[in-house]
Amino acid sequence: MTTRDIVFALLGVIAAAGAVFAVTTRQLVHSALWLVVCLGTLAGCYVVLGAELVALVQVLIYVGAVVVLVLFALMLTRAPIGINRQLGTSPLQRVLAAVLGAATTALFASMLVPLVGSGPMTPSNGDTRAVASAIFGTWAWPFELLSLLLLAALVGAFAIATVAGALPRARGATAARDASAAAPDAPAKAPR
């Protein structure tokens, strides 16, 4: 067993533990942070396997964008940050979910492990330079247009949330103003 195998196994165990904690924790922000751990160690697994470009894409897109989007959505929607007792599950549901997860893992393992074989594998991934020239040469404009579309969606979501948050305050101020305009001769209430 080489050092690369040990590092890969260690990163795999950390990624699996991060995935389990991301699913089982009861706090949404902690779940998103455990997802960062899981996806980051998965990028480390890609580096150990020699796929540096895939590791970079993993960090940029999944860790950098998706997790930040999840945290931004949590803050934007004012979701409850702490433990929510209403979303709890019974112990029977947890046991059934664990059994179903173990059965699915066993099914995938029984199908995928024989495909790996026992001999050494030869890497068949392409050249990083060829992939980079295809992405940043041929597909540069569609990539930039997609990033502008995502930026417009983010700005639109922020604008909608800002307007929706201002509406209740504006309605309350308008109702108070209308009430005072409707009864101008009414005596002012004495302070208590």
N, C-alpha and C. Protein backbone atom coordinates (compact mmCIF):
# COMPACT_ATOMS: atom_id res chain seq x y z
N MET A 1 0.85 -1.17 0.00
CA MET A 1 0.00 0.00 0.00
C MET A 1 0.90 1.24 0.00
N THR A 2 0.65 2.13 -0.95
CA THR A 2 1.48 3.31 -1.10
C THR A 2 0.91 4.48 -0.30
N THR A 3 1.68 5.56 -0.27
CA THR A 3 1.24 6.75 0.43
C THR A 3 0.00 7.35 -0.23
N ARG A 4 -0.04 7.28 -1.57
CA ARG A 4 -1.22 7.79 -2.29
C ARG A 4 -2.47 7.02 -1.91
N ASP A 5 -2.34 5.72 -1.75
CA ASP A 5 -3.49 4.91 -1.34
C ASP A 5 -3.98 5.30 0.05
N ILE A 6 -3.04 5.53 0.96
CA ILE A 6 -3.40 5.90 2.33
C ILE A 6 -4.07 7.28 2.35
N VAL A 7 -3.52 8.24 1.60
CA VAL A 7 -4.11 9.58 1.55
C VAL A 7 -5.49 9.52 0.91
N PHE A 8 -5.63 8.73 -0.16
CA PHE A 8 -6.94 8.59 -0.82
C PHE A 8 -7.96 7.97 0.14
N ALA A 9 -7.56 6.92 0.86
CA ALA A 9 -8.48 6.28 1.80
C ALA A 9 -8.86 7.24 2.93
N LEU A 10 -7.89 8.00 3.44
CA LEU A 10 -8.17 8.96 4.50
C LEU A 10 -9.14 10.05 4.03
N LEU A 11 -8.90 10.57 2.83
CA LEU A 11 -9.80 11.58 2.28
C LEU A 11 -11.19 11.00 2.01
N GLY A 12 -11.25 9.76 1.57
CA GLY A 12 -12.54 9.11 1.34
C GLY A 12 -13.33 8.94 2.62
N VAL A 13 -12.64 8.57 3.71
CA VAL A 13 -13.33 8.41 5.00
C VAL A 13 -13.84 9.75 5.50
N ILE A 14 -13.03 10.81 5.34
CA ILE A 14 -13.47 12.14 5.78
C ILE A 14 -14.65 12.61 4.93
N ALA A 15 -14.60 12.35 3.62
CA ALA A 15 -15.72 12.74 2.74
C ALA A 15 -17.00 11.99 3.11
N ALA A 16 -16.88 10.70 3.39
CA ALA A 16 -18.07 9.93 3.78
C ALA A 16 -18.62 10.42 5.12
N ALA A 17 -17.73 10.72 6.08
CA ALA A 17 -18.20 11.23 7.37
C ALA A 17 -18.85 12.60 7.21
N GLY A 18 -18.28 13.46 6.37
CA GLY A 18 -18.89 14.76 6.12
C GLY A 18 -20.26 14.63 5.47
N ALA A 19 -20.41 13.67 4.56
CA ALA A 19 -21.71 13.45 3.93
C ALA A 19 -22.74 12.96 4.94
N VAL A 20 -22.33 12.05 5.82
CA VAL A 20 -23.26 11.56 6.85
C VAL A 20 -23.67 12.68 7.79
N PHE A 21 -22.70 13.50 8.21
CA PHE A 21 -23.03 14.62 9.11
C PHE A 21 -23.89 15.67 8.41
N ALA A 22 -23.67 15.88 7.10
CA ALA A 22 -24.47 16.85 6.36
C ALA A 22 -25.93 16.43 6.30
N VAL A 23 -26.16 15.13 6.27
CA VAL A 23 -27.53 14.63 6.17
C VAL A 23 -28.18 14.49 7.55
N THR A 24 -27.40 14.16 8.56
CA THR A 24 -28.00 13.84 9.86
C THR A 24 -28.07 15.01 10.83
N THR A 25 -27.36 16.09 10.60
CA THR A 25 -27.42 17.21 11.55
C THR A 25 -28.77 17.89 11.46
N ARG A 26 -29.18 18.49 12.55
CA ARG A 26 -30.50 19.13 12.60
C ARG A 26 -30.44 20.63 12.36
N GLN A 27 -29.26 21.18 12.19
CA GLN A 27 -29.14 22.61 11.93
C GLN A 27 -28.72 22.83 10.48
N LEU A 28 -29.44 23.71 9.79
CA LEU A 28 -29.22 23.89 8.36
C LEU A 28 -27.85 24.45 8.04
N VAL A 29 -27.39 25.40 8.82
CA VAL A 29 -26.08 25.99 8.54
C VAL A 29 -24.98 24.97 8.77
N HIS A 30 -25.09 24.18 9.81
CA HIS A 30 -24.10 23.13 10.05
C HIS A 30 -24.12 22.11 8.91
N SER A 31 -25.30 21.81 8.41
CA SER A 31 -25.42 20.89 7.28
C SER A 31 -24.68 21.43 6.06
N ALA A 32 -24.83 22.72 5.78
CA ALA A 32 -24.13 23.32 4.64
C ALA A 32 -22.62 23.30 4.85
N LEU A 33 -22.17 23.52 6.08
CA LEU A 33 -20.73 23.49 6.36
C LEU A 33 -20.16 22.08 6.25
N TRP A 34 -20.92 21.09 6.68
CA TRP A 34 -20.48 19.70 6.50
C TRP A 34 -20.44 19.34 5.01
N LEU A 35 -21.33 19.94 4.23
CA LEU A 35 -21.29 19.73 2.78
C LEU A 35 -20.02 20.31 2.19
N VAL A 36 -19.54 21.43 2.73
CA VAL A 36 -18.26 21.99 2.29
C VAL A 36 -17.13 21.01 2.57
N VAL A 37 -17.15 20.40 3.76
CA VAL A 37 -16.12 19.41 4.11
C VAL A 37 -16.17 18.23 3.15
N CYS A 38 -17.36 17.73 2.88
CA CYS A 38 -17.51 16.58 2.00
C CYS A 38 -17.01 16.89 0.59
N LEU A 39 -17.45 18.00 0.03
CA LEU A 39 -17.06 18.34 -1.34
C LEU A 39 -15.59 18.72 -1.44
N GLY A 40 -15.05 19.35 -0.40
CA GLY A 40 -13.63 19.69 -0.41
C GLY A 40 -12.73 18.47 -0.36
N THR A 41 -13.08 17.50 0.48
CA THR A 41 -12.26 16.28 0.52
C THR A 41 -12.45 15.45 -0.73
N LEU A 42 -13.61 15.54 -1.36
CA LEU A 42 -13.78 14.86 -2.65
C LEU A 42 -12.87 15.47 -3.71
N ALA A 43 -12.68 16.79 -3.67
CA ALA A 43 -11.72 17.43 -4.56
C ALA A 43 -10.30 16.94 -4.26
N GLY A 44 -10.01 16.72 -3.00
CA GLY A 44 -8.71 16.14 -2.64
C GLY A 44 -8.53 14.74 -3.21
N CYS A 45 -9.61 13.96 -3.23
CA CYS A 45 -9.54 12.63 -3.85
C CYS A 45 -9.23 12.74 -5.34
N TYR A 46 -9.81 13.74 -6.01
CA TYR A 46 -9.52 13.94 -7.43
C TYR A 46 -8.06 14.32 -7.66
N VAL A 47 -7.49 15.11 -6.75
CA VAL A 47 -6.08 15.48 -6.88
C VAL A 47 -5.20 14.25 -6.72
N VAL A 48 -5.53 13.39 -5.76
CA VAL A 48 -4.74 12.17 -5.56
C VAL A 48 -4.82 11.26 -6.79
N LEU A 49 -5.97 11.25 -7.45
CA LEU A 49 -6.13 10.43 -8.65
C LEU A 49 -5.48 11.04 -9.88
N GLY A 50 -5.00 12.27 -9.79
CA GLY A 50 -4.32 12.90 -10.91
C GLY A 50 -5.23 13.71 -11.81
N ALA A 51 -6.44 13.99 -11.38
CA ALA A 51 -7.38 14.78 -12.17
C ALA A 51 -7.47 16.18 -11.56
N GLU A 52 -6.42 16.97 -11.78
CA GLU A 52 -6.36 18.30 -11.16
C GLU A 52 -7.45 19.22 -11.68
N LEU A 53 -7.76 19.13 -12.97
CA LEU A 53 -8.78 20.00 -13.53
C LEU A 53 -10.15 19.71 -12.93
N VAL A 54 -10.46 18.44 -12.74
CA VAL A 54 -11.74 18.07 -12.13
C VAL A 54 -11.78 18.55 -10.68
N ALA A 55 -10.66 18.48 -9.98
CA ALA A 55 -10.60 18.97 -8.59
C ALA A 55 -10.82 20.48 -8.55
N LEU A 56 -10.22 21.20 -9.50
CA LEU A 56 -10.41 22.64 -9.54
C LEU A 56 -11.86 23.01 -9.83
N VAL A 57 -12.48 22.29 -10.77
CA VAL A 57 -13.88 22.54 -11.08
C VAL A 57 -14.75 22.20 -9.87
N GLN A 58 -14.41 21.13 -9.17
CA GLN A 58 -15.14 20.74 -7.97
C GLN A 58 -15.11 21.85 -6.92
N VAL A 59 -13.94 22.42 -6.70
CA VAL A 59 -13.81 23.47 -5.69
C VAL A 59 -14.51 24.75 -6.14
N LEU A 60 -14.31 25.13 -7.40
CA LEU A 60 -14.89 26.38 -7.88
C LEU A 60 -16.41 26.33 -7.95
N ILE A 61 -16.94 25.26 -8.52
CA ILE A 61 -18.38 25.21 -8.77
C ILE A 61 -19.13 24.73 -7.54
N TYR A 62 -18.76 23.58 -7.01
CA TYR A 62 -19.55 23.02 -5.92
C TYR A 62 -19.28 23.71 -4.59
N VAL A 63 -18.01 23.77 -4.19
CA VAL A 63 -17.70 24.38 -2.90
C VAL A 63 -17.89 25.89 -2.97
N GLY A 64 -17.42 26.50 -4.05
CA GLY A 64 -17.46 27.94 -4.13
C GLY A 64 -18.81 28.52 -4.49
N ALA A 65 -19.59 27.83 -5.29
CA ALA A 65 -20.84 28.41 -5.78
C ALA A 65 -22.06 27.80 -5.13
N VAL A 66 -22.17 26.49 -5.15
CA VAL A 66 -23.38 25.85 -4.67
C VAL A 66 -23.56 26.03 -3.17
N VAL A 67 -22.52 25.84 -2.41
CA VAL A 67 -22.64 25.98 -0.95
C VAL A 67 -22.88 27.44 -0.58
N VAL A 68 -22.21 28.37 -1.26
CA VAL A 68 -22.46 29.78 -0.99
C VAL A 68 -23.91 30.12 -1.36
N LEU A 69 -24.41 29.54 -2.45
CA LEU A 69 -25.81 29.77 -2.83
C LEU A 69 -26.77 29.23 -1.78
N VAL A 70 -26.47 28.06 -1.22
CA VAL A 70 -27.32 27.49 -0.17
C VAL A 70 -27.31 28.39 1.06
N LEU A 71 -26.13 28.84 1.49
CA LEU A 71 -26.05 29.73 2.64
C LEU A 71 -26.74 31.06 2.36
N PHE A 72 -26.57 31.59 1.14
CA PHE A 72 -27.23 32.84 0.77
C PHE A 72 -28.74 32.66 0.78
N ALA A 73 -29.24 31.52 0.29
CA ALA A 73 -30.68 31.28 0.30
C ALA A 73 -31.21 31.16 1.72
N LEU A 74 -30.44 30.54 2.61
CA LEU A 74 -30.86 30.45 4.01
C LEU A 74 -30.97 31.84 4.64
N MET A 75 -29.99 32.69 4.35
CA MET A 75 -30.04 34.03 4.93
C MET A 75 -31.11 34.89 4.27
N LEU A 76 -31.31 34.70 2.97
CA LEU A 76 -32.26 35.52 2.23
C LEU A 76 -33.70 35.20 2.62
N THR A 77 -34.00 33.94 2.84
CA THR A 77 -35.36 33.55 3.17
C THR A 77 -35.66 33.66 4.66
N ARG A 78 -34.67 34.02 5.43
CA ARG A 78 -34.82 34.13 6.89
C ARG A 78 -35.31 32.81 7.48
N ALA A 79 -34.75 31.73 7.00
CA ALA A 79 -35.10 30.41 7.52
C ALA A 79 -34.60 30.30 8.96
N PRO A 80 -35.28 29.51 9.77
CA PRO A 80 -34.81 29.35 11.15
C PRO A 80 -33.44 28.68 11.16
N ILE A 81 -32.52 29.28 11.89
CA ILE A 81 -31.15 28.80 11.89
C ILE A 81 -30.95 27.66 12.89
N GLY A 82 -31.59 27.71 14.00
CA GLY A 82 -31.40 26.71 15.05
C GLY A 82 -32.14 25.41 14.75
N ILE A 83 -32.20 24.58 15.76
CA ILE A 83 -32.88 23.29 15.64
C ILE A 83 -34.38 23.53 15.56
N ASN A 84 -35.03 22.91 14.58
CA ASN A 84 -36.47 23.04 14.41
C ASN A 84 -37.12 21.74 14.87
N ARG A 85 -37.82 21.80 15.96
CA ARG A 85 -38.45 20.60 16.54
C ARG A 85 -39.60 20.09 15.69
N GLN A 86 -40.22 20.95 14.88
CA GLN A 86 -41.35 20.53 14.05
C GLN A 86 -40.90 19.62 12.90
N LEU A 87 -39.64 19.69 12.53
CA LEU A 87 -39.15 18.89 11.41
C LEU A 87 -38.50 17.59 11.87
N GLY A 88 -38.67 17.23 13.12
CA GLY A 88 -38.07 16.01 13.65
C GLY A 88 -38.74 14.76 13.09
N THR A 89 -38.01 13.67 13.14
CA THR A 89 -38.55 12.38 12.69
C THR A 89 -38.53 11.40 13.85
N SER A 90 -39.37 10.40 13.73
CA SER A 90 -39.43 9.39 14.78
C SER A 90 -38.24 8.44 14.68
N PRO A 91 -37.91 7.75 15.77
CA PRO A 91 -36.80 6.79 15.71
C PRO A 91 -37.05 5.68 14.69
N LEU A 92 -38.30 5.28 14.49
CA LEU A 92 -38.60 4.25 13.51
C LEU A 92 -38.25 4.72 12.09
N GLN A 93 -38.57 5.97 11.79
CA GLN A 93 -38.23 6.51 10.46
C GLN A 93 -36.72 6.58 10.27
N ARG A 94 -35.99 6.92 11.32
CA ARG A 94 -34.53 6.97 11.21
C ARG A 94 -33.94 5.59 10.97
N VAL A 95 -34.45 4.60 11.67
CA VAL A 95 -33.95 3.23 11.49
C VAL A 95 -34.27 2.74 10.08
N LEU A 96 -35.49 3.00 9.62
CA LEU A 96 -35.85 2.59 8.26
C LEU A 96 -34.99 3.29 7.21
N ALA A 97 -34.70 4.58 7.41
CA ALA A 97 -33.84 5.30 6.48
C ALA A 97 -32.43 4.73 6.48
N ALA A 98 -31.91 4.37 7.66
CA ALA A 98 -30.57 3.78 7.74
C ALA A 98 -30.53 2.42 7.05
N VAL A 99 -31.56 1.61 7.25
CA VAL A 99 -31.62 0.29 6.59
C VAL A 99 -31.70 0.45 5.08
N LEU A 100 -32.52 1.38 4.62
CA LEU A 100 -32.65 1.61 3.18
C LEU A 100 -31.34 2.13 2.59
N GLY A 101 -30.65 3.03 3.31
CA GLY A 101 -29.35 3.52 2.85
C GLY A 101 -28.31 2.42 2.79
N ALA A 102 -28.29 1.55 3.79
CA ALA A 102 -27.34 0.43 3.79
C ALA A 102 -27.65 -0.54 2.67
N ALA A 103 -28.92 -0.79 2.41
CA ALA A 103 -29.30 -1.69 1.32
C ALA A 103 -28.91 -1.11 -0.04
N THR A 104 -29.09 0.19 -0.22
CA THR A 104 -28.69 0.83 -1.47
C THR A 104 -27.18 0.80 -1.64
N THR A 105 -26.45 1.04 -0.56
CA THR A 105 -24.98 0.96 -0.62
C THR A 105 -24.52 -0.44 -0.97
N ALA A 106 -25.13 -1.45 -0.37
CA ALA A 106 -24.77 -2.84 -0.67
C ALA A 106 -25.09 -3.19 -2.12
N LEU A 107 -26.21 -2.71 -2.63
CA LEU A 107 -26.57 -2.96 -4.03
C LEU A 107 -25.56 -2.34 -4.98
N PHE A 108 -25.19 -1.07 -4.74
CA PHE A 108 -24.20 -0.42 -5.60
C PHE A 108 -22.84 -1.10 -5.49
N ALA A 109 -22.45 -1.48 -4.27
CA ALA A 109 -21.16 -2.14 -4.09
C ALA A 109 -21.13 -3.49 -4.80
N SER A 110 -22.23 -4.24 -4.73
CA SER A 110 -22.24 -5.54 -5.40
C SER A 110 -22.20 -5.40 -6.92
N MET A 111 -22.65 -4.27 -7.44
CA MET A 111 -22.61 -4.07 -8.88
C MET A 111 -21.31 -3.43 -9.35
N LEU A 112 -20.72 -2.55 -8.56
CA LEU A 112 -19.57 -1.79 -9.01
C LEU A 112 -18.22 -2.41 -8.65
N VAL A 113 -18.13 -3.10 -7.54
CA VAL A 113 -16.85 -3.68 -7.13
C VAL A 113 -16.34 -4.71 -8.15
N PRO A 114 -17.17 -5.59 -8.70
CA PRO A 114 -16.64 -6.50 -9.71
C PRO A 114 -16.15 -5.80 -10.98
N LEU A 115 -16.63 -4.61 -11.25
CA LEU A 115 -16.19 -3.89 -12.45
C LEU A 115 -14.78 -3.35 -12.31
N VAL A 116 -14.33 -3.14 -11.08
CA VAL A 116 -13.01 -2.55 -10.86
C VAL A 116 -11.92 -3.55 -11.19
N GLY A 117 -12.06 -4.78 -10.79
CA GLY A 117 -11.05 -5.79 -11.06
C GLY A 117 -9.92 -5.73 -10.05
N SER A 118 -8.94 -6.58 -10.25
CA SER A 118 -7.85 -6.64 -9.28
C SER A 118 -6.55 -6.08 -9.82
N GLY A 119 -6.41 -5.94 -11.13
CA GLY A 119 -5.16 -5.44 -11.71
C GLY A 119 -5.09 -3.92 -11.68
N PRO A 120 -3.89 -3.39 -11.95
CA PRO A 120 -3.74 -1.93 -11.97
C PRO A 120 -4.49 -1.33 -13.17
N MET A 121 -5.00 -0.17 -12.95
CA MET A 121 -5.76 0.51 -14.00
C MET A 121 -4.87 1.52 -14.69
N THR A 122 -5.05 1.67 -15.98
CA THR A 122 -4.32 2.70 -16.70
C THR A 122 -5.22 3.92 -16.83
N PRO A 123 -4.70 5.10 -16.54
CA PRO A 123 -5.54 6.28 -16.63
C PRO A 123 -5.92 6.57 -18.09
N SER A 124 -7.18 6.87 -18.29
CA SER A 124 -7.65 7.15 -19.64
C SER A 124 -8.19 8.56 -19.76
N ASN A 125 -7.87 9.41 -18.76
CA ASN A 125 -8.36 10.77 -18.84
C ASN A 125 -7.56 11.55 -19.87
N GLY A 126 -8.18 12.55 -20.45
CA GLY A 126 -7.56 13.33 -21.51
C GLY A 126 -6.53 14.30 -20.98
N ASP A 127 -5.91 14.95 -21.92
CA ASP A 127 -4.91 15.94 -21.59
C ASP A 127 -5.59 17.20 -21.06
N THR A 128 -5.05 17.77 -19.99
CA THR A 128 -5.65 18.95 -19.39
C THR A 128 -5.60 20.13 -20.36
N ARG A 129 -4.54 20.22 -21.15
CA ARG A 129 -4.42 21.33 -22.10
C ARG A 129 -5.50 21.25 -23.17
N ALA A 130 -5.82 20.04 -23.64
CA ALA A 130 -6.86 19.91 -24.65
C ALA A 130 -8.23 20.28 -24.09
N VAL A 131 -8.49 19.85 -22.86
CA VAL A 131 -9.77 20.19 -22.23
C VAL A 131 -9.86 21.69 -21.99
N ALA A 132 -8.77 22.30 -21.51
CA ALA A 132 -8.77 23.74 -21.25
C ALA A 132 -8.94 24.54 -22.52
N SER A 133 -8.29 24.13 -23.61
CA SER A 133 -8.45 24.88 -24.86
C SER A 133 -9.86 24.73 -25.41
N ALA A 134 -10.49 23.59 -25.20
CA ALA A 134 -11.87 23.42 -25.66
C ALA A 134 -12.82 24.27 -24.83
N ILE A 135 -12.61 24.30 -23.51
CA ILE A 135 -13.50 25.06 -22.65
C ILE A 135 -13.31 26.56 -22.86
N PHE A 136 -12.07 27.02 -22.84
CA PHE A 136 -11.82 28.45 -22.89
C PHE A 136 -11.63 28.97 -24.31
N GLY A 137 -11.71 28.11 -25.30
CA GLY A 137 -11.64 28.54 -26.70
C GLY A 137 -13.01 28.48 -27.33
N THR A 138 -13.52 27.28 -27.50
CA THR A 138 -14.80 27.09 -28.17
C THR A 138 -15.97 27.51 -27.30
N TRP A 139 -15.92 27.18 -26.03
CA TRP A 139 -17.08 27.38 -25.15
C TRP A 139 -16.94 28.58 -24.24
N ALA A 140 -16.07 29.52 -24.54
CA ALA A 140 -15.88 30.67 -23.67
C ALA A 140 -17.10 31.57 -23.64
N TRP A 141 -17.68 31.90 -24.79
CA TRP A 141 -18.84 32.79 -24.83
C TRP A 141 -20.07 32.17 -24.17
N PRO A 142 -20.42 30.92 -24.45
CA PRO A 142 -21.57 30.35 -23.72
C PRO A 142 -21.35 30.31 -22.21
N PHE A 143 -20.12 30.07 -21.79
CA PHE A 143 -19.80 30.05 -20.36
C PHE A 143 -20.02 31.43 -19.75
N GLU A 144 -19.56 32.48 -20.42
CA GLU A 144 -19.75 33.84 -19.91
C GLU A 144 -21.22 34.25 -19.93
N LEU A 145 -21.95 33.86 -20.95
CA LEU A 145 -23.38 34.17 -20.99
C LEU A 145 -24.13 33.48 -19.86
N LEU A 146 -23.76 32.25 -19.58
CA LEU A 146 -24.38 31.54 -18.46
C LEU A 146 -24.06 32.22 -17.14
N SER A 147 -22.84 32.69 -16.96
CA SER A 147 -22.50 33.38 -15.72
C SER A 147 -23.28 34.69 -15.60
N LEU A 148 -23.50 35.40 -16.70
CA LEU A 148 -24.33 36.61 -16.65
C LEU A 148 -25.78 36.29 -16.32
N LEU A 149 -26.29 35.19 -16.85
CA LEU A 149 -27.65 34.78 -16.55
C LEU A 149 -27.80 34.46 -15.05
N LEU A 150 -26.83 33.75 -14.50
CA LEU A 150 -26.88 33.44 -13.06
C LEU A 150 -26.74 34.70 -12.21
N LEU A 151 -25.91 35.65 -12.66
CA LEU A 151 -25.79 36.90 -11.93
C LEU A 151 -27.10 37.68 -11.97
N ALA A 152 -27.77 37.70 -13.13
CA ALA A 152 -29.06 38.39 -13.23
C ALA A 152 -30.10 37.73 -12.33
N ALA A 153 -30.09 36.40 -12.25
CA ALA A 153 -31.03 35.70 -11.37
C ALA A 153 -30.75 36.02 -9.91
N LEU A 154 -29.49 36.12 -9.54
CA LEU A 154 -29.14 36.45 -8.16
C LEU A 154 -29.56 37.88 -7.81
N VAL A 155 -29.32 38.82 -8.71
CA VAL A 155 -29.73 40.21 -8.47
C VAL A 155 -31.25 40.30 -8.41
N GLY A 156 -31.95 39.56 -9.28
CA GLY A 156 -33.41 39.55 -9.25
C GLY A 156 -33.96 38.98 -7.96
N ALA A 157 -33.36 37.91 -7.47
CA ALA A 157 -33.80 37.33 -6.20
C ALA A 157 -33.57 38.30 -5.05
N PHE A 158 -32.46 39.00 -5.07
CA PHE A 158 -32.19 39.99 -4.03
C PHE A 158 -33.18 41.14 -4.10
N ALA A 159 -33.50 41.58 -5.31
CA ALA A 159 -34.46 42.68 -5.46
C ALA A 159 -35.85 42.27 -5.01
N ILE A 160 -36.27 41.06 -5.35
CA ILE A 160 -37.58 40.58 -4.92
C ILE A 160 -37.63 40.45 -3.40
N ALA A 161 -36.58 39.94 -2.80
CA ALA A 161 -36.56 39.80 -1.34
C ALA A 161 -36.56 41.16 -0.66
N THR A 162 -35.88 42.12 -1.23
CA THR A 162 -35.85 43.46 -0.64
C THR A 162 -37.22 44.12 -0.74
N VAL A 163 -37.87 44.00 -1.89
CA VAL A 163 -39.20 44.58 -2.06
C VAL A 163 -40.21 43.87 -1.18
N ALA A 164 -40.14 42.56 -1.11
CA ALA A 164 -41.08 41.79 -0.27
C ALA A 164 -40.87 42.12 1.21
N GLY A 165 -39.65 42.37 1.61
CA GLY A 165 -39.40 42.73 3.00
C GLY A 165 -39.87 44.14 3.32
N ALA A 166 -39.88 45.04 2.32
CA ALA A 166 -40.29 46.42 2.53
C ALA A 166 -41.81 46.59 2.46
N LEU A 167 -42.51 45.66 1.82
CA LEU A 167 -43.96 45.80 1.66
C LEU A 167 -44.72 45.83 2.97
N PRO A 168 -44.48 44.94 3.92
CA PRO A 168 -45.25 45.01 5.17
C PRO A 168 -45.04 46.32 5.92
N ARG A 169 -43.83 46.83 5.92
CA ARG A 169 -43.58 48.10 6.58
C ARG A 169 -44.29 49.24 5.86
N ALA A 170 -44.27 49.21 4.52
CA ALA A 170 -44.92 50.27 3.76
C ALA A 170 -46.44 50.22 3.95
N ARG A 171 -46.99 49.01 3.98
CA ARG A 171 -48.44 48.88 4.20
C ARG A 171 -48.83 49.41 5.57
N GLY A 172 -48.04 49.11 6.57
CA GLY A 172 -48.34 49.58 7.91
C GLY A 172 -48.26 51.10 8.00
N ALA A 173 -47.25 51.71 7.36
CA ALA A 173 -47.11 53.16 7.37
C ALA A 173 -48.25 53.80 6.60
N THR A 174 -48.64 53.20 5.46
CA THR A 174 -49.74 53.74 4.67
C THR A 174 -51.05 53.64 5.43
N ALA A 175 -51.30 52.55 6.11
CA ALA A 175 -52.53 52.39 6.88
C ALA A 175 -52.60 53.40 8.01
N ALA A 176 -51.50 53.65 8.68
CA ALA A 176 -51.48 54.63 9.77
C ALA A 176 -51.71 56.04 9.22
N ARG A 177 -51.11 56.34 8.05
CA ARG A 177 -51.29 57.64 7.43
C ARG A 177 -52.73 57.83 6.99
N ASP A 178 -53.34 56.78 6.39
CA ASP A 178 -54.74 56.85 5.96
C ASP A 178 -55.68 57.02 7.15
N ALA A 179 -55.40 56.36 8.25
CA ALA A 179 -56.25 56.46 9.44
C ALA A 179 -56.20 57.86 10.02
N SER A 180 -55.01 58.46 10.02
CA SER A 180 -54.91 59.81 10.57
C SER A 180 -55.54 60.83 9.63
N ALA A 181 -55.50 60.57 8.32
CA ALA A 181 -56.11 61.50 7.36
C ALA A 181 -57.63 61.38 7.38
N ALA A 182 -58.17 60.21 7.69
CA ALA A 182 -59.62 60.01 7.69
C ALA A 182 -60.27 60.70 8.88
N ALA A 183 -59.60 60.82 9.98
CA ALA A 183 -60.18 61.43 11.18
C ALA A 183 -59.30 62.57 11.65
N PRO A 184 -59.30 63.69 10.91
CA PRO A 184 -58.42 64.80 11.34
C PRO A 184 -58.92 65.50 12.59
N ASP A 185 -60.23 65.48 12.85
CA ASP A 185 -60.76 66.20 14.00
C ASP A 185 -60.78 65.34 15.27
N ALA A 186 -60.38 64.11 15.17
CA ALA A 186 -60.41 63.24 16.33
C ALA A 186 -59.37 63.70 17.33
N PRO A 187 -59.73 63.70 18.61
CA PRO A 187 -58.74 64.15 19.62
C PRO A 187 -57.61 63.13 19.73
N ALA A 188 -56.46 63.62 19.99
CA ALA A 188 -55.31 62.74 20.15
C ALA A 188 -55.44 61.98 21.46
N LYS A 189 -55.02 60.75 21.43
CA LYS A 189 -55.10 59.94 22.64
C LYS A 189 -54.07 60.41 23.63
N ALA A 190 -54.48 60.49 24.85
CA ALA A 190 -53.57 60.90 25.91
C ALA A 190 -52.62 59.76 26.22
N PRO A 191 -51.35 60.07 26.43
CA PRO A 191 -50.41 59.00 26.77
C PRO A 191 -50.71 58.43 28.15
N ARG A 192 -50.51 57.18 28.30
CA ARG A 192 -50.79 56.51 29.56
C ARG A 192 -49.62 56.53 30.48
